[in-house]
C-alpha atoms as a PDB file:
ATOM      1  CA  MET A   1       8.480  21.142 -14.952  1.00  0.00           C
ATOM      2  CA  ALA A   2       6.954  17.935 -16.373  1.00  0.00           C
ATOM      3  CA  ILE A   3       3.244  17.666 -17.087  1.00  0.00           C
ATOM      4  CA  VAL A   4       1.661  14.465 -15.821  1.00  0.00           C
ATOM      5  CA  LYS A   5      -1.431  13.168 -17.614  1.00  0.00           C
ATOM      6  CA  GLU A   6      -4.394  12.048 -15.563  1.00  0.00           C
ATOM      7  CA  PRO A   7      -5.500   8.456 -16.072  1.00  0.00           C
ATOM      8  CA  ALA A   8      -8.328   7.991 -18.581  1.00  0.00           C
ATOM      9  CA  SER A   9     -10.166   5.443 -16.427  1.00  0.00           C
ATOM     10  CA  LYS A  10     -11.628   5.809 -12.969  1.00  0.00           C
ATOM     11  CA  PHE A  11     -13.096   3.717 -10.174  1.00  0.00           C
ATOM     12  CA  ILE A  12     -16.884   3.723  -9.944  1.00  0.00           C
ATOM     13  CA  LYS A  13     -19.094   3.022  -6.936  1.00  0.00           C
ATOM     14  CA  VAL A  14     -22.160   0.970  -7.936  1.00  0.00           C
ATOM     15  CA  ARG A  15     -25.179  -0.484  -6.114  1.00  0.00           C
ATOM     16  CA  CYS A  16     -26.520  -3.950  -6.903  1.00  0.00           C
ATOM     17  CA  ASN A  17     -30.146  -3.823  -8.065  1.00  0.00           C
ATOM     18  CA  LYS A  18     -30.977  -7.107  -6.315  1.00  0.00           C
ATOM     19  CA  CYS A  19     -29.427  -6.909  -2.811  1.00  0.00           C
ATOM     20  CA  LYS A  20     -28.499  -3.178  -2.616  1.00  0.00           C
ATOM     21  CA  ASN A  21     -24.840  -3.989  -1.850  1.00  0.00           C
ATOM     22  CA  GLU A  22     -22.449  -1.158  -2.739  1.00  0.00           C
ATOM     23  CA  GLN A  23     -19.030  -1.930  -4.180  1.00  0.00           C
ATOM     24  CA  ILE A  24     -16.270  -0.192  -6.088  1.00  0.00           C
ATOM     25  CA  VAL A  25     -15.518  -1.356  -9.642  1.00  0.00           C
ATOM     26  CA  PHE A  26     -12.832  -0.335 -12.130  1.00  0.00           C
ATOM     27  CA  GLY A  27     -14.175   1.712 -15.037  1.00  0.00           C
ATOM     28  CA  LYS A  28     -12.629  -0.502 -17.748  1.00  0.00           C
ATOM     29  CA  VAL A  29     -13.003  -4.176 -16.889  1.00  0.00           C
ATOM     30  CA  SER A  30     -11.895  -7.143 -18.990  1.00  0.00           C
ATOM     31  CA  ASN A  31     -14.165  -9.734 -17.302  1.00  0.00           C
ATOM     32  CA  ASP A  32     -17.754  -9.805 -16.099  1.00  0.00           C
ATOM     33  CA  VAL A  33     -18.147  -8.129 -12.676  1.00  0.00           C
ATOM     34  CA  LYS A  34     -20.408  -9.853 -10.157  1.00  0.00           C
ATOM     35  CA  CYS A  35     -21.861  -8.682  -6.834  1.00  0.00           C
ATOM     36  CA  LEU A  36     -19.801  -9.972  -3.917  1.00  0.00           C
ATOM     37  CA  VAL A  37     -22.945 -10.714  -1.866  1.00  0.00           C
ATOM     38  CA  CYS A  38     -25.558 -12.227  -4.212  1.00  0.00           C
ATOM     39  CA  GLY A  39     -23.491 -12.990  -7.346  1.00  0.00           C
ATOM     40  CA  LYS A  40     -25.664 -11.001  -9.789  1.00  0.00           C
ATOM     41  CA  SER A  41     -23.828  -9.459 -12.754  1.00  0.00           C
ATOM     42  CA  LEU A  42     -23.082  -5.745 -12.238  1.00  0.00           C
ATOM     43  CA  GLY A  43     -21.452  -5.086 -15.595  1.00  0.00           C
ATOM     44  CA  GLY A  44     -19.287  -6.414 -18.360  1.00  0.00           C
ATOM     45  CA  PRO A  45     -16.612  -5.461 -20.867  1.00  0.00           C
ATOM     46  CA  THR A  46     -17.386  -3.764 -24.167  1.00  0.00           C
ATOM     47  CA  GLY A  47     -13.857  -3.371 -25.505  1.00  0.00           C
ATOM     48  CA  GLY A  48     -13.565  -0.013 -23.748  1.00  0.00           C
ATOM     49  CA  LYS A  49     -15.507   1.299 -20.803  1.00  0.00           C
ATOM     50  CA  THR A  50     -17.620  -1.033 -18.691  1.00  0.00           C
ATOM     51  CA  GLN A  51     -21.296  -1.385 -19.541  1.00  0.00           C
ATOM     52  CA  PHE A  52     -22.978  -1.303 -16.121  1.00  0.00           C
ATOM     53  CA  LYS A  53     -26.212  -3.135 -15.297  1.00  0.00           C
ATOM     54  CA  ALA A  54     -26.225  -1.732 -11.745  1.00  0.00           C
ATOM     55  CA  ARG A  55     -26.940   1.771 -10.505  1.00  0.00           C
ATOM     56  CA  ILE A  56     -23.928   4.092 -10.602  1.00  0.00           C
ATOM     57  CA  LEU A  57     -23.654   6.037  -7.355  1.00  0.00           C
ATOM     58  CA  GLU A  58     -20.395   7.936  -7.681  1.00  0.00           C
ATOM     59  CA  VAL A  59     -17.294   8.316  -9.839  1.00  0.00           C
ATOM     60  CA  LEU A  60     -14.206   8.275  -7.631  1.00  0.00           C
ATOM     61  CA  GLU A  61     -11.166  10.378  -8.482  1.00  0.00           C
END
């Protein structure tokens, strides 16, 4: 029986502070993430995990 490792990164549901839009973002992004409705920055890369500027609602498995 082979053991399968779980991925180290997850998808994260965030809410924009400006327009309250909720969207799902990858936990380790390589580019700046913007809100799909108003265009405000929700987070950016740090060389590892995303540094979020929006409210984190839920971590999705």
